[in-house]
PDB file of N, CA and C in Angstrom:
ATOM      1  N   UNK A   1    -187.065-169.807 -54.732  1.00  0.00           N
ATOM      2  CA  UNK A   1    -188.027-169.102 -55.508  1.00  0.00           C
ATOM      3  C   UNK A   1    -188.117-167.483 -55.497  1.00  0.00           C
ATOM      4  N   UNK A   2    -188.105-167.215 -53.928  1.00  0.00           N
ATOM      5  CA  UNK A   2    -188.489-165.981 -53.518  1.00  0.00           C
ATOM      6  C   UNK A   2    -187.314-164.855 -53.950  1.00  0.00           C
ATOM      7  N   UNK A   3    -186.163-165.731 -53.652  1.00  0.00           N
ATOM      8  CA  UNK A   3    -185.022-164.873 -53.845  1.00  0.00           C
ATOM      9  C   UNK A   3    -184.639-164.740 -55.169  1.00  0.00           C
ATOM     10  N   UNK A   4    -185.034-165.161 -56.283  1.00  0.00           N
ATOM     11  CA  UNK A   4    -184.758-164.986 -57.147  1.00  0.00           C
ATOM     12  C   UNK A   4    -185.580-163.761 -57.886  1.00  0.00           C
ATOM     13  N   UNK A   5    -186.908-163.702 -57.196  1.00  0.00           N
ATOM     14  CA  UNK A   5    -188.213-162.481 -57.405  1.00  0.00           C
ATOM     15  C   UNK A   5    -187.245-161.618 -56.581  1.00  0.00           C
ATOM     16  N   UNK A   6    -186.755-161.153 -55.954  1.00  0.00           N
ATOM     17  CA  UNK A   6    -186.112-160.326 -55.249  1.00  0.00           C
ATOM     18  C   UNK A   6    -184.970-160.114 -55.948  1.00  0.00           C
ATOM     19  N   UNK A   7    -184.128-160.337 -56.187  1.00  0.00           N
ATOM     20  CA  UNK A   7    -183.057-160.173 -57.124  1.00  0.00           C
ATOM     21  C   UNK A   7    -183.146-159.437 -58.540  1.00  0.00           C
ATOM     22  N   UNK A   8    -184.209-159.990 -58.922  1.00  0.00           N
ATOM     23  CA  UNK A   8    -184.878-159.030 -60.185  1.00  0.00           C
ATOM     24  C   UNK A   8    -185.206-158.137 -60.044  1.00  0.00           C
ATOM     25  N   UNK A   9    -186.131-157.655 -58.709  1.00  0.00           N
ATOM     26  CA  UNK A   9    -186.958-156.430 -58.465  1.00  0.00           C
ATOM     27  C   UNK A   9    -185.633-155.279 -57.885  1.00  0.00           C
ATOM     28  N   UNK A  10    -184.418-155.723 -57.420  1.00  0.00           N
ATOM     29  CA  UNK A  10    -183.402-154.679 -56.906  1.00  0.00           C
ATOM     30  C   UNK A  10    -182.400-154.620 -57.892  1.00  0.00           C
ATOM     31  N   UNK A  11    -182.901-154.960 -59.141  1.00  0.00           N
ATOM     32  CA  UNK A  11    -181.847-154.414 -59.877  1.00  0.00           C
ATOM     33  C   UNK A  11    -181.818-153.059 -60.388  1.00  0.00           C
ATOM     34  N   UNK A  12    -180.345-152.521 -60.361  1.00  0.00           N
ATOM     35  CA  UNK A  12    -179.894-151.052 -60.588  1.00  0.00           C
ATOM     36  C   UNK A  12    -180.389-150.588 -61.597  1.00  0.00           C
ATOM     37  N   UNK A  13    -180.766-148.941 -61.456  1.00  0.00           N
ATOM     38  CA  UNK A  13    -181.207-148.697 -63.067  1.00  0.00           C
ATOM     39  C   UNK A  13    -180.018-148.601 -63.925  1.00  0.00           C
ATOM     40  N   UNK A  14    -180.216-148.652 -65.171  1.00  0.00           N
ATOM     41  CA  UNK A  14    -179.194-148.351 -66.177  1.00  0.00           C
ATOM     42  C   UNK A  14    -179.009-147.028 -66.385  1.00  0.00           C
ATOM     43  N   UNK A  15    -177.873-146.481 -66.203  1.00  0.00           N
ATOM     44  CA  UNK A  15    -177.182-145.157 -66.533  1.00  0.00           C
ATOM     45  C   UNK A  15    -177.556-144.897 -68.051  1.00  0.00           C
ATOM     46  N   UNK A  16    -177.880-143.250 -67.977  1.00  0.00           N
ATOM     47  CA  UNK A  16    -178.428-142.869 -69.008  1.00  0.00           C
ATOM     48  C   UNK A  16    -177.120-142.568 -69.929  1.00  0.00           C
ATOM     49  N   UNK A  17    -177.086-142.425 -70.914  1.00  0.00           N
ATOM     50  CA  UNK A  17    -175.537-142.707 -71.985  1.00  0.00           C
ATOM     51  C   UNK A  17    -175.286-141.174 -72.282  1.00  0.00           C
ATOM     52  N   UNK A  18    -176.140-140.200 -72.524  1.00  0.00           N
ATOM     53  CA  UNK A  18    -175.585-138.917 -72.791  1.00  0.00           C
ATOM     54  C   UNK A  18    -176.109-137.832 -71.856  1.00  0.00           C
ATOM     55  N   UNK A  19    -175.778-138.428 -70.555  1.00  0.00           N
ATOM     56  CA  UNK A  19    -176.496-137.491 -69.261  1.00  0.00           C
ATOM     57  C   UNK A  19    -175.155-136.076 -69.201  1.00  0.00           C
ATOM     58  N   UNK A  20    -174.439-136.548 -69.780  1.00  0.00           N
ATOM     59  CA  UNK A  20    -173.308-135.816 -69.444  1.00  0.00           C
ATOM     60  C   UNK A  20    -173.454-134.650 -70.191  1.00  0.00           C
ATOM     61  N   UNK A  21    -173.783-134.185 -71.380  1.00  0.00           N
ATOM     62  CA  UNK A  21    -174.017-133.307 -72.406  1.00  0.00           C
ATOM     63  C   UNK A  21    -174.622-131.937 -71.867  1.00  0.00           C
ATOM     64  N   UNK A  22    -175.688-132.041 -70.888  1.00  0.00           N
ATOM     65  CA  UNK A  22    -175.986-130.636 -70.397  1.00  0.00           C
ATOM     66  C   UNK A  22    -174.937-129.918 -69.366  1.00  0.00           C
ATOM     67  N   UNK A  23    -174.932-130.914 -68.245  1.00  0.00           N
ATOM     68  CA  UNK A  23    -173.299-130.363 -67.485  1.00  0.00           C
ATOM     69  C   UNK A  23    -172.626-129.834 -68.080  1.00  0.00           C
ATOM     70  N   UNK A  24    -171.893-130.364 -69.590  1.00  0.00           N
ATOM     71  CA  UNK A  24    -170.529-130.254 -70.212  1.00  0.00           C
ATOM     72  C   UNK A  24    -171.340-128.700 -70.939  1.00  0.00           C
ATOM     73  N   UNK A  25    -172.228-128.669 -71.580  1.00  0.00           N
ATOM     74  CA  UNK A  25    -172.433-127.288 -72.112  1.00  0.00           C
ATOM     75  C   UNK A  25    -172.960-126.289 -71.333  1.00  0.00           C
ATOM     76  N   UNK A  26    -173.458-126.380 -70.137  1.00  0.00           N
ATOM     77  CA  UNK A  26    -173.301-125.163 -69.067  1.00  0.00           C
ATOM     78  C   UNK A  26    -171.890-125.071 -68.401  1.00  0.00           C
ATOM     79  N   UNK A  27    -171.153-125.748 -68.348  1.00  0.00           N
ATOM     80  CA  UNK A  27    -169.947-125.613 -67.901  1.00  0.00           C
ATOM     81  C   UNK A  27    -168.749-124.663 -68.960  1.00  0.00           C
ATOM     82  N   UNK A  28    -168.955-125.076 -70.071  1.00  0.00           N
ATOM     83  CA  UNK A  28    -168.454-124.251 -70.935  1.00  0.00           C
ATOM     84  C   UNK A  28    -168.789-123.014 -71.392  1.00  0.00           C
ATOM     85  N   UNK A  29    -170.413-122.892 -70.925  1.00  0.00           N
ATOM     86  CA  UNK A  29    -171.031-121.381 -70.727  1.00  0.00           C
ATOM     87  C   UNK A  29    -170.891-120.533 -69.341  1.00  0.00           C
ATOM     88  N   UNK A  30    -170.831-121.383 -68.489  1.00  0.00           N
ATOM     89  CA  UNK A  30    -171.318-120.651 -67.064  1.00  0.00           C
ATOM     90  C   UNK A  30    -169.699-119.820 -66.531  1.00  0.00           C
ATOM     91  N   UNK A  31    -168.733-121.079 -66.935  1.00  0.00           N
ATOM     92  CA  UNK A  31    -167.348-120.499 -66.403  1.00  0.00           C
ATOM     93  C   UNK A  31    -166.960-119.334 -66.872  1.00  0.00           C
ATOM     94  N   UNK A  32    -166.414-119.282 -68.167  1.00  0.00           N
ATOM     95  CA  UNK A  32    -166.214-118.191 -68.758  1.00  0.00           C
ATOM     96  C   UNK A  32    -166.697-116.802 -68.546  1.00  0.00           C
ATOM     97  N   UNK A  33    -168.426-116.784 -68.369  1.00  0.00           N
ATOM     98  CA  UNK A  33    -169.359-115.904 -68.120  1.00  0.00           C
ATOM     99  C   UNK A  33    -168.859-115.441 -66.806  1.00  0.00           C
ATOM    100  N   UNK A  34    -168.746-116.433 -65.693  1.00  0.00           N
ATOM    101  CA  UNK A  34    -168.515-115.960 -64.723  1.00  0.00           C
ATOM    102  C   UNK A  34    -167.188-115.208 -64.384  1.00  0.00           C
ATOM    103  N   UNK A  35    -166.180-115.783 -65.010  1.00  0.00           N
ATOM    104  CA  UNK A  35    -165.141-114.914 -64.792  1.00  0.00           C
ATOM    105  C   UNK A  35    -164.816-113.439 -65.398  1.00  0.00           C
ATOM    106  N   UNK A  36    -165.746-113.629 -66.763  1.00  0.00           N
ATOM    107  CA  UNK A  36    -165.778-112.138 -67.493  1.00  0.00           C
ATOM    108  C   UNK A  36    -166.306-111.269 -66.371  1.00  0.00           C
ATOM    109  N   UNK A  37    -167.361-111.924 -65.839  1.00  0.00           N
ATOM    110  CA  UNK A  37    -168.619-111.258 -65.180  1.00  0.00           C
ATOM    111  C   UNK A  37    -167.807-110.186 -63.717  1.00  0.00           C
ATOM    112  N   UNK A  38    -166.991-111.327 -63.146  1.00  0.00           N
ATOM    113  CA  UNK A  38    -165.869-110.964 -62.138  1.00  0.00           C
ATOM    114  C   UNK A  38    -164.878-110.088 -62.661  1.00  0.00           C
ATOM    115  N   UNK A  39    -164.240-110.335 -63.929  1.00  0.00           N
ATOM    116  CA  UNK A  39    -163.551-109.172 -63.994  1.00  0.00           C
ATOM    117  C   UNK A  39    -163.993-107.555 -63.947  1.00  0.00           C
ATOM    118  N   UNK A  40    -165.289-107.870 -64.728  1.00  0.00           N
ATOM    119  CA  UNK A  40    -165.787-106.745 -64.860  1.00  0.00           C
ATOM    120  C   UNK A  40    -166.540-106.153 -63.513  1.00  0.00           C
ATOM    121  N   UNK A  41    -166.666-106.951 -62.478  1.00  0.00           N
ATOM    122  CA  UNK A  41    -167.164-106.309 -61.162  1.00  0.00           C
ATOM    123  C   UNK A  41    -165.668-105.395 -60.589  1.00  0.00           C
ATOM    124  N   UNK A  42    -164.522-105.871 -60.867  1.00  0.00           N
ATOM    125  CA  UNK A  42    -163.307-105.340 -60.055  1.00  0.00           C
ATOM    126  C   UNK A  42    -163.333-104.984 -58.965  1.00  0.00           C
ATOM    127  N   UNK A  43    -164.029-105.294 -57.436  1.00  0.00           N
ATOM    128  CA  UNK A  43    -164.158-105.096 -56.312  1.00  0.00           C
ATOM    129  C   UNK A  43    -164.249-103.709 -56.433  1.00  0.00           C
ATOM    130  N   UNK A  44    -165.261-102.999 -56.916  1.00  0.00           N
ATOM    131  CA  UNK A  44    -165.368-101.537 -56.504  1.00  0.00           C
ATOM    132  C   UNK A  44    -165.733-101.173 -55.377  1.00  0.00           C
ATOM    133  N   UNK A  45    -167.013-101.621 -54.799  1.00  0.00           N
ATOM    134  CA  UNK A  45    -167.408-101.407 -53.667  1.00  0.00           C
ATOM    135  C   UNK A  45    -167.444-102.722 -52.717  1.00  0.00           C
ATOM    136  N   UNK A  46    -167.538-102.467 -51.559  1.00  0.00           N
ATOM    137  CA  UNK A  46    -167.956-103.671 -50.864  1.00  0.00           C
ATOM    138  C   UNK A  46    -169.162-104.189 -50.765  1.00  0.00           C
ATOM    139  N   UNK A  47    -170.030-103.774 -50.165  1.00  0.00           N
ATOM    140  CA  UNK A  47    -171.573-104.206 -49.909  1.00  0.00           C
ATOM    141  C   UNK A  47    -171.765-105.012 -51.323  1.00  0.00           C
ATOM    142  N   UNK A  48    -171.876-104.539 -52.950  1.00  0.00           N
ATOM    143  CA  UNK A  48    -172.298-104.997 -53.938  1.00  0.00           C
ATOM    144  C   UNK A  48    -171.445-106.024 -54.624  1.00  0.00           C
ATOM    145  N   UNK A  49    -169.817-106.077 -53.981  1.00  0.00           N
ATOM    146  CA  UNK A  49    -168.955-107.291 -54.655  1.00  0.00           C
ATOM    147  C   UNK A  49    -169.414-108.300 -53.663  1.00  0.00           C
ATOM    148  N   UNK A  50    -169.513-107.970 -52.471  1.00  0.00           N
ATOM    149  CA  UNK A  50    -169.721-109.437 -51.510  1.00  0.00           C
ATOM    150  C   UNK A  50    -171.145-109.943 -51.948  1.00  0.00           C
ATOM    151  N   UNK A  51    -172.058-109.186 -52.557  1.00  0.00           N
ATOM    152  CA  UNK A  51    -173.765-109.582 -52.965  1.00  0.00           C
ATOM    153  C   UNK A  51    -173.565-110.336 -54.452  1.00  0.00           C
ATOM    154  N   UNK A  52    -172.323-109.762 -55.181  1.00  0.00           N
ATOM    155  CA  UNK A  52    -171.912-110.361 -56.113  1.00  0.00           C
ATOM    156  C   UNK A  52    -171.424-111.637 -56.370  1.00  0.00           C
ATOM    157  N   UNK A  53    -170.210-112.130 -55.109  1.00  0.00           N
ATOM    158  CA  UNK A  53    -169.772-113.148 -54.647  1.00  0.00           C
ATOM    159  C   UNK A  53    -170.493-114.066 -54.371  1.00  0.00           C
ATOM    160  N   UNK A  54    -171.578-114.012 -53.448  1.00  0.00           N
ATOM    161  CA  UNK A  54    -172.604-114.791 -53.163  1.00  0.00           C
ATOM    162  C   UNK A  54    -173.487-115.575 -54.539  1.00  0.00           C
ATOM    163  N   UNK A  55    -173.849-114.235 -55.120  1.00  0.00           N
ATOM    164  CA  UNK A  55    -174.558-114.730 -56.248  1.00  0.00           C
ATOM    165  C   UNK A  55    -173.899-115.848 -57.329  1.00  0.00           C
ATOM    166  N   UNK A  56    -172.223-115.131 -57.517  1.00  0.00           N
ATOM    167  CA  UNK A  56    -171.600-116.768 -58.319  1.00  0.00           C
ATOM    168  C   UNK A  56    -171.414-117.862 -57.848  1.00  0.00           C
ATOM    169  N   UNK A  57    -171.340-117.947 -56.292  1.00  0.00           N
ATOM    170  CA  UNK A  57    -171.400-118.738 -55.624  1.00  0.00           C
ATOM    171  C   UNK A  57    -172.610-120.222 -55.728  1.00  0.00           C
ATOM    172  N   UNK A  58    -173.962-119.133 -55.756  1.00  0.00           N
ATOM    173  CA  UNK A  58    -175.229-120.188 -56.039  1.00  0.00           C
ATOM    174  C   UNK A  58    -174.794-120.660 -57.385  1.00  0.00           C
ATOM    175  N   UNK A  59    -174.253-119.856 -58.187  1.00  0.00           N
ATOM    176  CA  UNK A  59    -174.391-119.919 -59.751  1.00  0.00           C
ATOM    177  C   UNK A  59    -173.278-121.441 -59.676  1.00  0.00           C
ATOM    178  N   UNK A  60    -172.126-121.141 -59.179  1.00  0.00           N
ATOM    179  CA  UNK A  60    -171.251-122.605 -59.487  1.00  0.00           C
ATOM    180  C   UNK A  60    -171.851-123.440 -58.428  1.00  0.00           C
ATOM    181  N   UNK A  61    -172.720-123.569 -57.360  1.00  0.00           N
ATOM    182  CA  UNK A  61    -173.202-124.523 -56.838  1.00  0.00           C
ATOM    183  C   UNK A  61    -174.388-125.310 -57.676  1.00  0.00           C
ATOM    184  N   UNK A  62    -174.834-124.590 -58.359  1.00  0.00           N
ATOM    185  CA  UNK A  62    -175.900-124.913 -59.196  1.00  0.00           C
ATOM    186  C   UNK A  62    -175.418-125.650 -60.300  1.00  0.00           C
ATOM    187  N   UNK A  63    -174.058-125.182 -60.638  1.00  0.00           N
ATOM    188  CA  UNK A  63    -173.428-126.346 -61.821  1.00  0.00           C
ATOM    189  C   UNK A  63    -172.842-127.094 -61.187  1.00  0.00           C
ATOM    190  N   UNK A  64    -172.534-127.504 -60.004  1.00  0.00           N
ATOM    191  CA  UNK A  64    -171.713-128.297 -58.861  1.00  0.00           C
ATOM    192  C   UNK A  64    -172.715-129.391 -59.006  1.00  0.00           C
ATOM    193  N   UNK A  65    -174.148-128.775 -58.672  1.00  0.00           N
ATOM    194  CA  UNK A  65    -175.138-130.061 -58.428  1.00  0.00           C
ATOM    195  C   UNK A  65    -175.503-130.805 -59.738  1.00  0.00           C
ATOM    196  N   UNK A  66    -175.659-129.943 -60.789  1.00  0.00           N
ATOM    197  CA  UNK A  66    -176.070-130.552 -62.212  1.00  0.00           C
ATOM    198  C   UNK A  66    -174.874-131.367 -62.484  1.00  0.00           C
ATOM    199  N   UNK A  67    -173.536-131.667 -62.033  1.00  0.00           N
ATOM    200  CA  UNK A  67    -172.772-132.680 -62.448  1.00  0.00           C
ATOM    201  C   UNK A  67    -172.637-133.660 -61.314  1.00  0.00           C
ATOM    202  N   UNK A  68    -173.049-133.461 -60.127  1.00  0.00           N
ATOM    203  CA  UNK A  68    -173.285-134.622 -58.938  1.00  0.00           C
ATOM    204  C   UNK A  68    -174.437-135.381 -58.969  1.00  0.00           C
ATOM    205  N   UNK A  69    -175.019-134.504 -59.360  1.00  0.00           N
ATOM    206  CA  UNK A  69    -176.950-135.866 -59.402  1.00  0.00           C
ATOM    207  C   UNK A  69    -176.594-137.168 -60.018  1.00  0.00           C
ATOM    208  N   UNK A  70    -176.891-138.098 -59.164  1.00  0.00           N
ATOM    209  CA  UNK A  70    -176.697-139.640 -59.774  1.00  0.00           C
ATOM    210  C   UNK A  70    -176.826-139.918 -61.338  1.00  0.00           C
ATOM    211  N   UNK A  71    -176.082-140.467 -61.741  1.00  0.00           N
ATOM    212  CA  UNK A  71    -176.312-140.499 -63.332  1.00  0.00           C
ATOM    213  C   UNK A  71    -177.311-141.692 -63.928  1.00  0.00           C
ATOM    214  N   UNK A  72    -178.938-141.462 -63.390  1.00  0.00           N
ATOM    215  CA  UNK A  72    -180.031-142.304 -63.438  1.00  0.00           C
ATOM    216  C   UNK A  72    -180.827-141.460 -64.657  1.00  0.00           C
ATOM    217  N   UNK A  73    -181.685-142.208 -65.128  1.00  0.00           N
ATOM    218  CA  UNK A  73    -183.007-142.066 -65.955  1.00  0.00           C
ATOM    219  C   UNK A  73    -183.661-140.661 -65.234  1.00  0.00           C
ATOM    220  N   UNK A  74    -183.842-141.063 -63.913  1.00  0.00           N
ATOM    221  CA  UNK A  74    -184.992-140.519 -63.092  1.00  0.00           C
ATOM    222  C   UNK A  74    -184.422-138.825 -63.103  1.00  0.00           C
ATOM    223  N   UNK A  75    -183.236-138.851 -62.938  1.00  0.00           N
ATOM    224  CA  UNK A  75    -182.473-137.570 -62.606  1.00  0.00           C
ATOM    225  C   UNK A  75    -181.956-136.501 -63.773  1.00  0.00           C
ATOM    226  N   UNK A  76    -182.615-137.019 -65.317  1.00  0.00           N
ATOM    227  CA  UNK A  76    -182.182-136.287 -66.419  1.00  0.00           C
ATOM    228  C   UNK A  76    -182.688-134.987 -66.290  1.00  0.00           C
ATOM    229  N   UNK A  77    -184.188-134.557 -65.693  1.00  0.00           N
ATOM    230  CA  UNK A  77    -184.949-133.543 -65.909  1.00  0.00           C
ATOM    231  C   UNK A  77    -184.148-132.495 -64.746  1.00  0.00           C
ATOM    232  N   UNK A  78    -184.055-132.904 -63.823  1.00  0.00           N
ATOM    233  CA  UNK A  78    -183.327-132.078 -62.636  1.00  0.00           C
ATOM    234  C   UNK A  78    -182.014-132.072 -63.352  1.00  0.00           C
ATOM    235  N   UNK A  79    -181.185-132.554 -63.613  1.00  0.00           N
ATOM    236  CA  UNK A  79    -179.652-132.233 -64.174  1.00  0.00           C
ATOM    237  C   UNK A  79    -179.947-131.229 -65.281  1.00  0.00           C
ATOM    238  N   UNK A  80    -180.858-131.410 -65.965  1.00  0.00           N
ATOM    239  CA  UNK A  80    -181.164-130.377 -67.197  1.00  0.00           C
ATOM    240  C   UNK A  80    -181.471-128.889 -66.732  1.00  0.00           C
ATOM    241  N   UNK A  81    -182.111-129.196 -65.888  1.00  0.00           N
ATOM    242  CA  UNK A  81    -183.067-127.899 -64.999  1.00  0.00           C
ATOM    243  C   UNK A  81    -181.493-126.962 -64.577  1.00  0.00           C
ATOM    244  N   UNK A  82    -180.976-127.767 -63.596  1.00  0.00           N
ATOM    245  CA  UNK A  82    -179.764-127.119 -63.074  1.00  0.00           C
ATOM    246  C   UNK A  82    -178.603-126.228 -63.937  1.00  0.00           C
ATOM    247  N   UNK A  83    -178.869-126.993 -64.913  1.00  0.00           N
ATOM    248  CA  UNK A  83    -177.564-126.789 -66.284  1.00  0.00           C
ATOM    249  C   UNK A  83    -177.860-125.718 -66.846  1.00  0.00           C
ATOM    250  N   UNK A  84    -179.480-125.399 -66.897  1.00  0.00           N
ATOM    251  CA  UNK A  84    -179.863-124.445 -67.556  1.00  0.00           C
ATOM    252  C   UNK A  84    -179.771-123.203 -66.636  1.00  0.00           C
ATOM    253  N   UNK A  85    -180.235-123.392 -65.159  1.00  0.00           N
ATOM    254  CA  UNK A  85    -180.116-122.505 -64.500  1.00  0.00           C
ATOM    255  C   UNK A  85    -178.753-121.797 -64.080  1.00  0.00           C
ATOM    256  N   UNK A  86    -177.346-122.595 -64.065  1.00  0.00           N
ATOM    257  CA  UNK A  86    -176.199-122.118 -63.567  1.00  0.00           C
ATOM    258  C   UNK A  86    -176.253-120.760 -64.666  1.00  0.00           C
ATOM    259  N   UNK A  87    -176.127-120.585 -65.761  1.00  0.00           N
ATOM    260  CA  UNK A  87    -175.654-119.388 -66.731  1.00  0.00           C
ATOM    261  C   UNK A  87    -176.843-118.266 -66.215  1.00  0.00           C
ATOM    262  N   UNK A  88    -177.842-118.423 -65.897  1.00  0.00           N
ATOM    263  CA  UNK A  88    -179.054-117.221 -65.817  1.00  0.00           C
ATOM    264  C   UNK A  88    -178.498-117.056 -64.113  1.00  0.00           C
ATOM    265  N   UNK A  89    -177.809-117.705 -63.589  1.00  0.00           N
ATOM    266  CA  UNK A  89    -177.722-117.379 -62.032  1.00  0.00           C
ATOM    267  C   UNK A  89    -176.638-116.485 -62.364  1.00  0.00           C
ATOM    268  N   UNK A  90    -175.443-116.388 -63.191  1.00  0.00           N
ATOM    269  CA  UNK A  90    -174.542-115.877 -63.137  1.00  0.00           C
ATOM    270  C   UNK A  90    -175.214-114.444 -63.713  1.00  0.00           C
ATOM    271  N   UNK A  91    -175.496-114.362 -64.920  1.00  0.00           N
ATOM    272  CA  UNK A  91    -176.475-113.266 -65.625  1.00  0.00           C
ATOM    273  C   UNK A  91    -177.105-112.292 -64.255  1.00  0.00           C
ATOM    274  N   UNK A  92    -178.203-113.235 -63.406  1.00  0.00           N
ATOM    275  CA  UNK A  92    -178.730-112.410 -62.648  1.00  0.00           C
ATOM    276  C   UNK A  92    -177.742-112.159 -61.278  1.00  0.00           C
ATOM    277  N   UNK A  93    -176.595-112.540 -60.936  1.00  0.00           N
ATOM    278  CA  UNK A  93    -175.671-111.759 -59.916  1.00  0.00           C
ATOM    279  C   UNK A  93    -175.016-110.455 -60.685  1.00  0.00           C
ATOM    280  N   UNK A  94    -174.879-110.815 -62.085  1.00  0.00           N
ATOM    281  CA  UNK A  94    -173.949-109.503 -62.583  1.00  0.00           C
ATOM    282  C   UNK A  94    -175.070-107.940 -62.600  1.00  0.00           C
ATOM    283  N   UNK A  95    -176.244-108.649 -62.680  1.00  0.00           N
ATOM    284  CA  UNK A  95    -177.589-107.781 -62.932  1.00  0.00           C
ATOM    285  C   UNK A  95    -177.745-106.818 -61.638  1.00  0.00           C
ATOM    286  N   UNK A  96    -177.878-107.713 -60.274  1.00  0.00           N
ATOM    287  CA  UNK A  96    -177.796-107.187 -59.001  1.00  0.00           C
ATOM    288  C   UNK A  96    -176.841-106.597 -58.794  1.00  0.00           C
ATOM    289  N   UNK A  97    -175.297-106.477 -59.027  1.00  0.00           N
ATOM    290  CA  UNK A  97    -174.361-106.116 -58.758  1.00  0.00           C
ATOM    291  C   UNK A  97    -174.506-105.044 -59.377  1.00  0.00           C
ATOM    292  N   UNK A  98    -174.802-104.900 -60.766  1.00  0.00           N
ATOM    293  CA  UNK A  98    -175.209-103.515 -61.316  1.00  0.00           C
ATOM    294  C   UNK A  98    -176.039-102.233 -60.567  1.00  0.00           C
ATOM    295  N   UNK A  99    -177.425-103.277 -60.233  1.00  0.00           N
ATOM    296  CA  UNK A  99    -177.963-102.153 -59.609  1.00  0.00           C
ATOM    297  C   UNK A  99    -177.764-101.551 -58.471  1.00  0.00           C
ATOM    298  N   UNK A 100    -177.002-102.252 -57.296  1.00  0.00           N
ATOM    299  CA  UNK A 100    -176.594-102.448 -56.356  1.00  0.00           C
ATOM    300  C   UNK A 100    -175.625-100.881 -56.103  1.00  0.00           C
ATOM    301  N   UNK A 101    -174.687-101.365 -57.329  1.00  0.00           N
ATOM    302  CA  UNK A 101    -173.202-100.160 -57.224  1.00  0.00           C
ATOM    303  C   UNK A 101    -173.822 -98.777 -57.567  1.00  0.00           C
ATOM    304  N   UNK A 102    -173.136 -98.147 -56.720  1.00  0.00           N
ATOM    305  CA  UNK A 102    -173.507 -96.341 -56.605  1.00  0.00           C
ATOM    306  C   UNK A 102    -172.583 -95.463 -57.599  1.00  0.00           C
ATOM    307  N   UNK A 103    -173.581 -95.548 -58.371  1.00  0.00           N
ATOM    308  CA  UNK A 103    -172.573 -95.155 -60.165  1.00  0.00           C
ATOM    309  C   UNK A 103    -172.446 -93.819 -59.763  1.00  0.00           C
ATOM    310  N   UNK A 104    -171.431 -92.552 -60.246  1.00  0.00           N
ATOM    311  CA  UNK A 104    -171.169 -91.389 -60.086  1.00  0.00           C
ATOM    312  C   UNK A 104    -172.077 -90.636 -61.093  1.00  0.00           C
TER     313      UNK A 104
END
């Protein structure tokens, strides 16, 4: 009798059906934006480009986190948050790069 109660209480949570939509939309926006920003930066100066590269690394790690969170109901809000943060991290990295460049 106790084993039946324990078996029922330890059931794995059901996966969310459309949890993949937010990371997919974020990937479609983030990856081309990062590629365009990287091409626009074009390694003009060492220090600003290094900061820009680290900013892109943060953006891509944020996107990877959105994909790698467990596919359970309790992680839906975190997954959406990371999915929304990734494109904004690319924009913030590029804006910081533009501020750091010593324009002639």
